[in-house]
Amino acid sequence: MDDCLFCKIVSGKIPSDRVFEDEEVYAFRDINPQAPTHVLIIPKRHIPSAAALTGDDAAVCGRLVVVAARIAQECGMADRGFRLVLNSGEDGGQSVGHLHLHLLGGRKLGWPPG
């Protein structure tokens, strides 16, 4: 999508601090981190939100989580713990209209979140 911030990041039109990339997934550091490690993991294909997911999206959703676990391991957070957050819609806190998974860690995270 031409007007989507994350699509522009995937295409290289907007620079990012890339952490991981393969044929389906792109991961980059959040520009407004909420923890010492805050990485956004997104599908390269535009999906507006979790509410727009269909059964055809199951594989890419699983891939997002697998990539998050890999990044957590590489960042040394796997043993102590980390949080995955997927916001959907305005009331859910989604600020960019492209499905994205937040990987947060590197400190003790409180509960409830928000």
C-alpha atoms as a PDB file:
ATOM      1  CA  MET A   1       0.000   0.000   0.000  1.00  0.00           C
ATOM      2  CA  ASP A   2       1.419   3.337  -1.061  1.00  0.00           C
ATOM      3  CA  ASP A   3       0.362   5.257   2.057  1.00  0.00           C
ATOM      4  CA  CYS A   4       1.283   2.630   4.689  1.00  0.00           C
ATOM      5  CA  LEU A   5       4.252   3.557   6.896  1.00  0.00           C
ATOM      6  CA  PHE A   6       5.354  -0.043   7.399  1.00  0.00           C
ATOM      7  CA  CYS A   7       5.004  -0.905   3.703  1.00  0.00           C
ATOM      8  CA  LYS A   8       7.322   2.033   3.000  1.00  0.00           C
ATOM      9  CA  ILE A   9       9.801   0.649   5.547  1.00  0.00           C
ATOM     10  CA  VAL A  10       9.695  -2.810   3.950  1.00  0.00           C
ATOM     11  CA  SER A  11      10.252  -1.309   0.485  1.00  0.00           C
ATOM     12  CA  GLY A  12      13.203   0.786   1.713  1.00  0.00           C
ATOM     13  CA  LYS A  13      11.492   4.131   1.071  1.00  0.00           C
ATOM     14  CA  ILE A  14      11.789   4.893   4.787  1.00  0.00           C
ATOM     15  CA  PRO A  15      14.958   3.830   6.647  1.00  0.00           C
ATOM     16  CA  SER A  16      14.796   1.520   9.655  1.00  0.00           C
ATOM     17  CA  ASP A  17      17.139  -0.253  12.041  1.00  0.00           C
ATOM     18  CA  ARG A  18      16.616  -3.737  10.605  1.00  0.00           C
ATOM     19  CA  VAL A  19      17.025  -6.702  12.934  1.00  0.00           C
ATOM     20  CA  PHE A  20      15.767  -9.527  10.693  1.00  0.00           C
ATOM     21  CA  GLU A  21      14.456 -10.074   7.191  1.00  0.00           C
ATOM     22  CA  ASP A  22      13.354 -13.033   5.111  1.00  0.00           C
ATOM     23  CA  GLU A  23      10.913 -13.501   2.226  1.00  0.00           C
ATOM     24  CA  GLU A  24       7.804 -13.096   4.451  1.00  0.00           C
ATOM     25  CA  VAL A  25       8.820 -11.096   7.514  1.00  0.00           C
ATOM     26  CA  TYR A  26      10.670  -7.892   8.344  1.00  0.00           C
ATOM     27  CA  ALA A  27      11.755  -6.894  11.874  1.00  0.00           C
ATOM     28  CA  PHE A  28      13.162  -3.564  13.007  1.00  0.00           C
ATOM     29  CA  ARG A  29      13.780  -1.580  16.192  1.00  0.00           C
ATOM     30  CA  ASP A  30      10.938   0.666  17.332  1.00  0.00           C
ATOM     31  CA  ILE A  31      11.797   4.383  17.097  1.00  0.00           C
ATOM     32  CA  ASN A  32       9.980   4.985  20.406  1.00  0.00           C
ATOM     33  CA  PRO A  33      11.105   2.008  22.518  1.00  0.00           C
ATOM     34  CA  GLN A  34       9.084   1.081  25.589  1.00  0.00           C
ATOM     35  CA  ALA A  35      11.749  -1.327  26.903  1.00  0.00           C
ATOM     36  CA  PRO A  36      15.512  -1.748  26.429  1.00  0.00           C
ATOM     37  CA  THR A  37      14.698  -4.127  23.576  1.00  0.00           C
ATOM     38  CA  HIS A  38      11.647  -3.172  21.505  1.00  0.00           C
ATOM     39  CA  VAL A  39      11.440  -4.735  18.063  1.00  0.00           C
ATOM     40  CA  LEU A  40       8.502  -4.645  15.648  1.00  0.00           C
ATOM     41  CA  ILE A  41       7.972  -7.788  13.595  1.00  0.00           C
ATOM     42  CA  ILE A  42       5.732  -7.385  10.556  1.00  0.00           C
ATOM     43  CA  PRO A  43       4.591  -9.380   7.565  1.00  0.00           C
ATOM     44  CA  LYS A  44       5.961  -7.949   4.330  1.00  0.00           C
ATOM     45  CA  ARG A  45       2.523  -8.380   2.796  1.00  0.00           C
ATOM     46  CA  HIS A  46       0.118  -5.675   3.921  1.00  0.00           C
ATOM     47  CA  ILE A  47      -2.434  -6.936   6.438  1.00  0.00           C
ATOM     48  CA  PRO A  48      -4.296  -4.028   8.107  1.00  0.00           C
ATOM     49  CA  SER A  49      -4.801  -5.564  11.565  1.00  0.00           C
ATOM     50  CA  ALA A  50      -5.458  -8.756  13.506  1.00  0.00           C
ATOM     51  CA  ALA A  51      -9.168  -8.192  12.841  1.00  0.00           C
ATOM     52  CA  ALA A  52      -8.491  -8.598   9.110  1.00  0.00           C
ATOM     53  CA  LEU A  53      -6.787 -12.005   9.471  1.00  0.00           C
ATOM     54  CA  THR A  54      -8.213 -15.053   7.719  1.00  0.00           C
ATOM     55  CA  GLY A  55      -7.314 -18.715   7.752  1.00  0.00           C
ATOM     56  CA  ASP A  56      -4.971 -18.033   4.842  1.00  0.00           C
ATOM     57  CA  ASP A  57      -2.838 -15.891   7.175  1.00  0.00           C
ATOM     58  CA  ALA A  58      -2.135 -18.610   9.764  1.00  0.00           C
ATOM     59  CA  ALA A  59       1.325 -19.440   8.430  1.00  0.00           C
ATOM     60  CA  VAL A  60       2.570 -15.859   8.356  1.00  0.00           C
ATOM     61  CA  CYS A  61       1.207 -15.250  11.873  1.00  0.00           C
ATOM     62  CA  GLY A  62       3.082 -18.284  13.115  1.00  0.00           C
ATOM     63  CA  ARG A  63       6.185 -17.032  11.351  1.00  0.00           C
ATOM     64  CA  LEU A  64       5.954 -13.690  13.197  1.00  0.00           C
ATOM     65  CA  VAL A  65       6.043 -15.521  16.546  1.00  0.00           C
ATOM     66  CA  VAL A  66       8.881 -17.837  15.493  1.00  0.00           C
ATOM     67  CA  VAL A  67      10.933 -14.835  14.351  1.00  0.00           C
ATOM     68  CA  ALA A  68      10.182 -13.057  17.643  1.00  0.00           C
ATOM     69  CA  ALA A  69      11.487 -16.068  19.600  1.00  0.00           C
ATOM     70  CA  ARG A  70      14.631 -16.135  17.464  1.00  0.00           C
ATOM     71  CA  ILE A  71      15.290 -12.429  18.028  1.00  0.00           C
ATOM     72  CA  ALA A  72      14.655 -12.820  21.783  1.00  0.00           C
ATOM     73  CA  GLN A  73      17.223 -15.628  21.853  1.00  0.00           C
ATOM     74  CA  GLU A  74      19.751 -13.557  19.899  1.00  0.00           C
ATOM     75  CA  CYS A  75      19.219 -10.594  22.246  1.00  0.00           C
ATOM     76  CA  GLY A  76      19.769 -12.778  25.329  1.00  0.00           C
ATOM     77  CA  MET A  77      16.189 -12.416  26.604  1.00  0.00           C
ATOM     78  CA  ALA A  78      14.874 -15.943  26.076  1.00  0.00           C
ATOM     79  CA  ASP A  79      15.877 -17.288  29.506  1.00  0.00           C
ATOM     80  CA  ARG A  80      14.723 -14.299  31.598  1.00  0.00           C
ATOM     81  CA  GLY A  81      11.579 -13.630  29.580  1.00  0.00           C
ATOM     82  CA  PHE A  82      10.046 -11.218  27.132  1.00  0.00           C
ATOM     83  CA  ARG A  83       6.621 -10.021  26.047  1.00  0.00           C
ATOM     84  CA  LEU A  84       4.860 -10.236  22.699  1.00  0.00           C
ATOM     85  CA  VAL A  85       2.077  -7.707  22.065  1.00  0.00           C
ATOM     86  CA  LEU A  86      -0.260  -7.563  19.098  1.00  0.00           C
ATOM     87  CA  ASN A  87      -2.618  -4.565  19.218  1.00  0.00           C
ATOM     88  CA  SER A  88      -5.672  -4.409  16.974  1.00  0.00           C
ATOM     89  CA  GLY A  89      -7.744  -1.324  16.244  1.00  0.00           C
ATOM     90  CA  GLU A  90      -7.839   2.087  17.845  1.00  0.00           C
ATOM     91  CA  ASP A  91      -9.204   0.937  21.220  1.00  0.00           C
ATOM     92  CA  GLY A  92      -6.625  -1.868  21.243  1.00  0.00           C
ATOM     93  CA  GLY A  93      -3.797   0.644  20.873  1.00  0.00           C
ATOM     94  CA  GLN A  94      -2.862  -0.041  17.241  1.00  0.00           C
ATOM     95  CA  SER A  95      -1.212   3.117  15.897  1.00  0.00           C
ATOM     96  CA  VAL A  96      -0.102   1.918  12.431  1.00  0.00           C
ATOM     97  CA  GLY A  97      -2.588   0.199  10.125  1.00  0.00           C
ATOM     98  CA  HIS A  98      -0.321  -2.746   9.299  1.00  0.00           C
ATOM     99  CA  LEU A  99      -0.277  -5.913  11.407  1.00  0.00           C
ATOM    100  CA  HIS A 100       2.729  -5.849  13.726  1.00  0.00           C
ATOM    101  CA  LEU A 101       3.980  -7.788  16.705  1.00  0.00           C
ATOM    102  CA  HIS A 102       5.908  -5.982  19.438  1.00  0.00           C
ATOM    103  CA  LEU A 103       8.792  -7.844  21.078  1.00  0.00           C
ATOM    104  CA  LEU A 104       9.602  -6.204  24.415  1.00  0.00           C
ATOM    105  CA  GLY A 105      12.240  -7.203  26.936  1.00  0.00           C
ATOM    106  CA  GLY A 106      15.495  -6.434  28.648  1.00  0.00           C
ATOM    107  CA  ARG A 107      13.827  -5.431  31.933  1.00  0.00           C
ATOM    108  CA  LYS A 108      11.108  -6.704  34.271  1.00  0.00           C
ATOM    109  CA  LEU A 109       7.777  -5.878  32.663  1.00  0.00           C
ATOM    110  CA  GLY A 110       4.792  -4.983  34.824  1.00  0.00           C
ATOM    111  CA  TRP A 111       1.254  -6.379  34.715  1.00  0.00           C
ATOM    112  CA  PRO A 112      -1.367  -5.383  33.829  1.00  0.00           C
ATOM    113  CA  PRO A 113       0.047  -3.593  30.794  1.00  0.00           C
ATOM    114  CA  GLY A 114      -1.999  -0.475  30.063  1.00  0.00           C
END
